[in-house]
PDB file of N, CA and C in Angstrom:
ATOM      1  N   MET A   1    -216.433  48.542-144.877  1.00  0.00           N
ATOM      2  CA  MET A   1    -215.555  47.584-145.461  1.00  0.00           C
ATOM      3  C   MET A   1    -214.239  47.580-145.053  1.00  0.00           C
ATOM      4  N   GLN A   2    -213.622  48.760-144.989  1.00  0.00           N
ATOM      5  CA  GLN A   2    -212.198  48.801-144.662  1.00  0.00           C
ATOM      6  C   GLN A   2    -212.088  48.417-142.962  1.00  0.00           C
ATOM      7  N   LYS A   3    -213.141  48.589-142.132  1.00  0.00           N
ATOM      8  CA  LYS A   3    -212.965  48.012-140.851  1.00  0.00           C
ATOM      9  C   LYS A   3    -212.949  46.486-140.732  1.00  0.00           C
ATOM     10  N   ILE A   4    -213.735  46.001-141.503  1.00  0.00           N
ATOM     11  CA  ILE A   4    -213.792  44.550-141.488  1.00  0.00           C
ATOM     12  C   ILE A   4    -212.423  43.935-142.053  1.00  0.00           C
ATOM     13  N   ALA A   5    -211.875  44.476-143.136  1.00  0.00           N
ATOM     14  CA  ALA A   5    -210.637  44.026-143.503  1.00  0.00           C
ATOM     15  C   ALA A   5    -209.709  44.226-142.558  1.00  0.00           C
ATOM     16  N   THR A   6    -209.454  45.340-141.729  1.00  0.00           N
ATOM     17  CA  THR A   6    -208.558  45.475-140.883  1.00  0.00           C
ATOM     18  C   THR A   6    -208.572  44.407-139.731  1.00  0.00           C
ATOM     19  N   ARG A   7    -209.957  44.127-139.251  1.00  0.00           N
ATOM     20  CA  ARG A   7    -209.935  43.100-138.243  1.00  0.00           C
ATOM     21  C   ARG A   7    -209.558  41.765-138.747  1.00  0.00           C
ATOM     22  N   ILE A   8    -209.955  41.359-139.895  1.00  0.00           N
ATOM     23  CA  ILE A   8    -209.443  40.126-140.521  1.00  0.00           C
ATOM     24  C   ILE A   8    -207.854  40.062-140.555  1.00  0.00           C
ATOM     25  N   LEU A   9    -207.292  41.087-141.102  1.00  0.00           N
ATOM     26  CA  LEU A   9    -205.806  41.096-141.246  1.00  0.00           C
ATOM     27  C   LEU A   9    -205.240  40.974-139.766  1.00  0.00           C
ATOM     28  N   LEU A  10    -205.814  41.714-138.803  1.00  0.00           N
ATOM     29  CA  LEU A  10    -205.390  41.537-137.373  1.00  0.00           C
ATOM     30  C   LEU A  10    -205.468  40.099-136.875  1.00  0.00           C
ATOM     31  N   LEU A  11    -206.694  39.489-137.174  1.00  0.00           N
ATOM     32  CA  LEU A  11    -206.825  38.170-136.785  1.00  0.00           C
ATOM     33  C   LEU A  11    -205.876  37.202-137.217  1.00  0.00           C
ATOM     34  N   LEU A  12    -205.639  37.436-138.434  1.00  0.00           N
ATOM     35  CA  LEU A  12    -204.751  36.513-139.309  1.00  0.00           C
ATOM     36  C   LEU A  12    -203.261  36.681-138.730  1.00  0.00           C
ATOM     37  N   THR A  13    -202.916  37.886-138.693  1.00  0.00           N
ATOM     38  CA  THR A  13    -201.775  38.140-137.938  1.00  0.00           C
ATOM     39  C   THR A  13    -201.440  37.439-136.568  1.00  0.00           C
ATOM     40  N   VAL A  14    -202.304  37.578-135.854  1.00  0.00           N
ATOM     41  CA  VAL A  14    -202.263  36.954-134.461  1.00  0.00           C
ATOM     42  C   VAL A  14    -202.241  35.399-134.545  1.00  0.00           C
ATOM     43  N   LEU A  15    -203.096  34.951-135.570  1.00  0.00           N
ATOM     44  CA  LEU A  15    -203.089  33.427-135.672  1.00  0.00           C
ATOM     45  C   LEU A  15    -201.807  32.935-136.152  1.00  0.00           C
ATOM     46  N   PHE A  16    -201.233  33.639-137.105  1.00  0.00           N
ATOM     47  CA  PHE A  16    -199.838  33.264-137.496  1.00  0.00           C
ATOM     48  C   PHE A  16    -198.705  33.342-136.749  1.00  0.00           C
ATOM     49  N   THR A  17    -198.687  34.373-135.824  1.00  0.00           N
ATOM     50  CA  THR A  17    -197.528  34.805-134.872  1.00  0.00           C
ATOM     51  C   THR A  17    -197.587  33.956-133.608  1.00  0.00           C
ATOM     52  N   PHE A  18    -198.804  33.362-133.164  1.00  0.00           N
ATOM     53  CA  PHE A  18    -198.677  32.756-132.082  1.00  0.00           C
ATOM     54  C   PHE A  18    -199.044  31.241-132.155  1.00  0.00           C
ATOM     55  N   THR A  19    -198.166  30.434-131.597  1.00  0.00           N
ATOM     56  CA  THR A  19    -198.330  28.947-131.873  1.00  0.00           C
ATOM     57  C   THR A  19    -199.441  28.475-130.825  1.00  0.00           C
ATOM     58  N   SER A  20    -200.087  27.464-131.107  1.00  0.00           N
ATOM     59  CA  SER A  20    -201.238  27.035-130.318  1.00  0.00           C
ATOM     60  C   SER A  20    -200.909  26.656-129.021  1.00  0.00           C
ATOM     61  N   CYS A  21    -199.487  26.064-128.765  1.00  0.00           N
ATOM     62  CA  CYS A  21    -199.079  25.628-127.637  1.00  0.00           C
ATOM     63  C   CYS A  21    -198.907  26.890-126.575  1.00  0.00           C
ATOM     64  N   GLU A  22    -198.551  27.998-127.098  1.00  0.00           N
ATOM     65  CA  GLU A  22    -198.210  29.226-126.339  1.00  0.00           C
ATOM     66  C   GLU A  22    -199.548  29.788-125.836  1.00  0.00           C
ATOM     67  N   ILE A  23    -200.684  29.710-126.832  1.00  0.00           N
ATOM     68  CA  ILE A  23    -201.981  30.152-126.262  1.00  0.00           C
ATOM     69  C   ILE A  23    -202.532  29.315-125.267  1.00  0.00           C
ATOM     70  N   VAL A  24    -202.465  28.013-125.589  1.00  0.00           N
ATOM     71  CA  VAL A  24    -202.964  27.010-124.648  1.00  0.00           C
ATOM     72  C   VAL A  24    -202.241  27.104-123.174  1.00  0.00           C
ATOM     73  N   GLY A  25    -201.158  27.234-123.218  1.00  0.00           N
ATOM     74  CA  GLY A  25    -200.177  27.363-122.123  1.00  0.00           C
ATOM     75  C   GLY A  25    -200.503  28.448-121.235  1.00  0.00           C
ATOM     76  N   GLY A  26    -200.737  29.617-121.948  1.00  0.00           N
ATOM     77  CA  GLY A  26    -201.206  30.989-121.282  1.00  0.00           C
ATOM     78  C   GLY A  26    -202.499  30.738-120.650  1.00  0.00           C
ATOM     79  N   ILE A  27    -203.254  30.209-121.296  1.00  0.00           N
ATOM     80  CA  ILE A  27    -204.776  30.076-120.653  1.00  0.00           C
ATOM     81  C   ILE A  27    -204.667  29.223-119.508  1.00  0.00           C
ATOM     82  N   PHE A  28    -204.091  28.075-119.451  1.00  0.00           N
ATOM     83  CA  PHE A  28    -204.097  27.261-118.220  1.00  0.00           C
ATOM     84  C   PHE A  28    -203.125  27.728-117.138  1.00  0.00           C
ATOM     85  N   LYS A  29    -202.233  28.633-117.397  1.00  0.00           N
ATOM     86  CA  LYS A  29    -201.405  29.331-116.445  1.00  0.00           C
ATOM     87  C   LYS A  29    -202.399  30.399-115.671  1.00  0.00           C
ATOM     88  N   ALA A  30    -203.231  31.109-116.448  1.00  0.00           N
ATOM     89  CA  ALA A  30    -204.065  32.160-116.070  1.00  0.00           C
ATOM     90  C   ALA A  30    -205.121  31.385-115.303  1.00  0.00           C
ATOM     91  N   GLY A  31    -205.724  30.356-115.740  1.00  0.00           N
ATOM     92  CA  GLY A  31    -206.729  29.433-115.200  1.00  0.00           C
ATOM     93  C   GLY A  31    -206.214  28.999-113.826  1.00  0.00           C
ATOM     94  N   MET A  32    -204.999  28.449-113.666  1.00  0.00           N
ATOM     95  CA  MET A  32    -204.552  27.948-112.485  1.00  0.00           C
ATOM     96  C   MET A  32    -204.409  28.997-111.455  1.00  0.00           C
ATOM     97  N   GLY A  33    -203.916  30.241-111.902  1.00  0.00           N
ATOM     98  CA  GLY A  33    -203.812  31.222-110.951  1.00  0.00           C
ATOM     99  C   GLY A  33    -205.158  31.686-110.418  1.00  0.00           C
ATOM    100  N   VAL A  34    -206.162  31.784-111.161  1.00  0.00           N
ATOM    101  CA  VAL A  34    -207.576  32.259-110.849  1.00  0.00           C
ATOM    102  C   VAL A  34    -208.033  31.209-109.898  1.00  0.00           C
ATOM    103  N   GLY A  35    -207.884  30.022-110.222  1.00  0.00           N
ATOM    104  CA  GLY A  35    -208.362  28.813-109.491  1.00  0.00           C
ATOM    105  C   GLY A  35    -207.760  28.684-108.044  1.00  0.00           C
ATOM    106  N   ILE A  36    -206.658  29.051-107.767  1.00  0.00           N
ATOM    107  CA  ILE A  36    -205.893  29.035-106.585  1.00  0.00           C
ATOM    108  C   ILE A  36    -206.297  30.154-105.727  1.00  0.00           C
ATOM    109  N   PHE A  37    -206.630  31.409-106.412  1.00  0.00           N
ATOM    110  CA  PHE A  37    -207.044  32.415-105.847  1.00  0.00           C
ATOM    111  C   PHE A  37    -208.518  32.190-105.215  1.00  0.00           C
ATOM    112  N   ILE A  38    -209.205  31.630-105.921  1.00  0.00           N
ATOM    113  CA  ILE A  38    -210.701  31.246-105.555  1.00  0.00           C
ATOM    114  C   ILE A  38    -210.601  30.371-104.357  1.00  0.00           C
ATOM    115  N   VAL A  39    -209.941  29.280-104.559  1.00  0.00           N
ATOM    116  CA  VAL A  39    -209.892  28.409-103.609  1.00  0.00           C
ATOM    117  C   VAL A  39    -209.386  29.074-102.141  1.00  0.00           C
ATOM    118  N   ILE A  40    -208.381  29.765-102.100  1.00  0.00           N
ATOM    119  CA  ILE A  40    -207.904  30.590-100.965  1.00  0.00           C
ATOM    120  C   ILE A  40    -209.109  31.402-100.428  1.00  0.00           C
ATOM    121  N   ALA A  41    -209.752  32.193-101.324  1.00  0.00           N
ATOM    122  CA  ALA A  41    -210.795  32.989-100.897  1.00  0.00           C
ATOM    123  C   ALA A  41    -211.945  32.410-100.227  1.00  0.00           C
ATOM    124  N   ILE A  42    -212.146  31.121-100.808  1.00  0.00           N
ATOM    125  CA  ILE A  42    -213.373  30.265-100.196  1.00  0.00           C
ATOM    126  C   ILE A  42    -212.891  29.886 -98.836  1.00  0.00           C
ATOM    127  N   ILE A  43    -211.834  29.365 -98.669  1.00  0.00           N
ATOM    128  CA  ILE A  43    -211.265  28.865 -97.424  1.00  0.00           C
ATOM    129  C   ILE A  43    -211.216  30.084 -96.455  1.00  0.00           C
ATOM    130  N   GLY A  44    -210.685  31.200 -96.806  1.00  0.00           N
ATOM    131  CA  GLY A  44    -210.873  32.286 -95.861  1.00  0.00           C
ATOM    132  C   GLY A  44    -212.193  32.747 -95.415  1.00  0.00           C
ATOM    133  N   VAL A  45    -213.275  32.616 -96.376  1.00  0.00           N
ATOM    134  CA  VAL A  45    -214.654  32.995 -95.985  1.00  0.00           C
ATOM    135  C   VAL A  45    -215.087  32.075 -95.053  1.00  0.00           C
ATOM    136  N   LEU A  46    -214.788  30.818 -95.265  1.00  0.00           N
ATOM    137  CA  LEU A  46    -215.369  29.503 -94.291  1.00  0.00           C
ATOM    138  C   LEU A  46    -214.755  29.840 -92.999  1.00  0.00           C
ATOM    139  N   ILE A  47    -213.433  30.145 -92.932  1.00  0.00           N
ATOM    140  CA  ILE A  47    -212.751  30.263 -91.560  1.00  0.00           C
ATOM    141  C   ILE A  47    -213.333  31.527 -90.854  1.00  0.00           C
ATOM    142  N   PHE A  48    -213.653  32.589 -91.707  1.00  0.00           N
ATOM    143  CA  PHE A  48    -214.168  33.713 -91.083  1.00  0.00           C
ATOM    144  C   PHE A  48    -215.779  33.460 -90.418  1.00  0.00           C
ATOM    145  N   ALA A  49    -216.424  32.730 -91.339  1.00  0.00           N
ATOM    146  CA  ALA A  49    -217.869  32.318 -90.997  1.00  0.00           C
ATOM    147  C   ALA A  49    -217.889  31.430 -89.720  1.00  0.00           C
ATOM    148  N   PHE A  50    -216.960  30.354 -89.729  1.00  0.00           N
ATOM    149  CA  PHE A  50    -217.025  29.491 -88.424  1.00  0.00           C
ATOM    150  C   PHE A  50    -216.513  30.255 -87.316  1.00  0.00           C
ATOM    151  N   SER A  51    -215.621  31.218 -87.449  1.00  0.00           N
ATOM    152  CA  SER A  51    -215.120  31.949 -86.279  1.00  0.00           C
ATOM    153  C   SER A  51    -216.248  32.759 -85.778  1.00  0.00           C
ATOM    154  N   LYS A  52    -217.039  33.515 -86.571  1.00  0.00           N
ATOM    155  CA  LYS A  52    -218.180  34.154 -86.179  1.00  0.00           C
ATOM    156  C   LYS A  52    -219.424  33.392 -85.640  1.00  0.00           C
ATOM    157  N   LEU A  53    -219.418  32.390 -86.190  1.00  0.00           N
ATOM    158  CA  LEU A  53    -220.583  31.527 -85.682  1.00  0.00           C
ATOM    159  C   LEU A  53    -220.237  30.705 -84.484  1.00  0.00           C
ATOM    160  N   PHE A  54    -218.990  30.082 -84.252  1.00  0.00           N
ATOM    161  CA  PHE A  54    -218.777  29.554 -83.190  1.00  0.00           C
ATOM    162  C   PHE A  54    -217.763  30.011 -82.236  1.00  0.00           C
ATOM    163  N   GLY A  55    -217.256  31.197 -82.554  1.00  0.00           N
ATOM    164  CA  GLY A  55    -216.385  31.860 -81.711  1.00  0.00           C
ATOM    165  C   GLY A  55    -216.871  32.468 -80.459  1.00  0.00           C
ATOM    166  N   GLY A  56    -218.075  32.952 -80.520  1.00  0.00           N
ATOM    167  CA  GLY A  56    -218.745  33.544 -79.397  1.00  0.00           C
ATOM    168  C   GLY A  56    -218.308  35.031 -79.235  1.00  0.00           C
ATOM    169  N   ASN A  57    -218.758  35.723 -78.368  1.00  0.00           N
ATOM    170  CA  ASN A  57    -218.436  37.152 -78.065  1.00  0.00           C
ATOM    171  C   ASN A  57    -217.183  37.172 -77.062  1.00  0.00           C
ATOM    172  N   LYS A  58    -216.081  37.435 -77.401  1.00  0.00           N
ATOM    173  CA  LYS A  58    -214.861  37.680 -76.416  1.00  0.00           C
ATOM    174  C   LYS A  58    -214.341  39.034 -76.449  1.00  0.00           C
TER     175      LYS A  58
END
């Protein structure tokens, strides 16, 4: 019972200390960074694949 009360108190503390705008802003910043990384990685893989496929042996 003590463990559940501690978790609820921690959750309430987090909810009251952070505003919703800060949380949403942080999520979008992290999402945008991950999205940019994934796009760059996919473009890199495509360039690598096309260079291996059409580049020939040099």
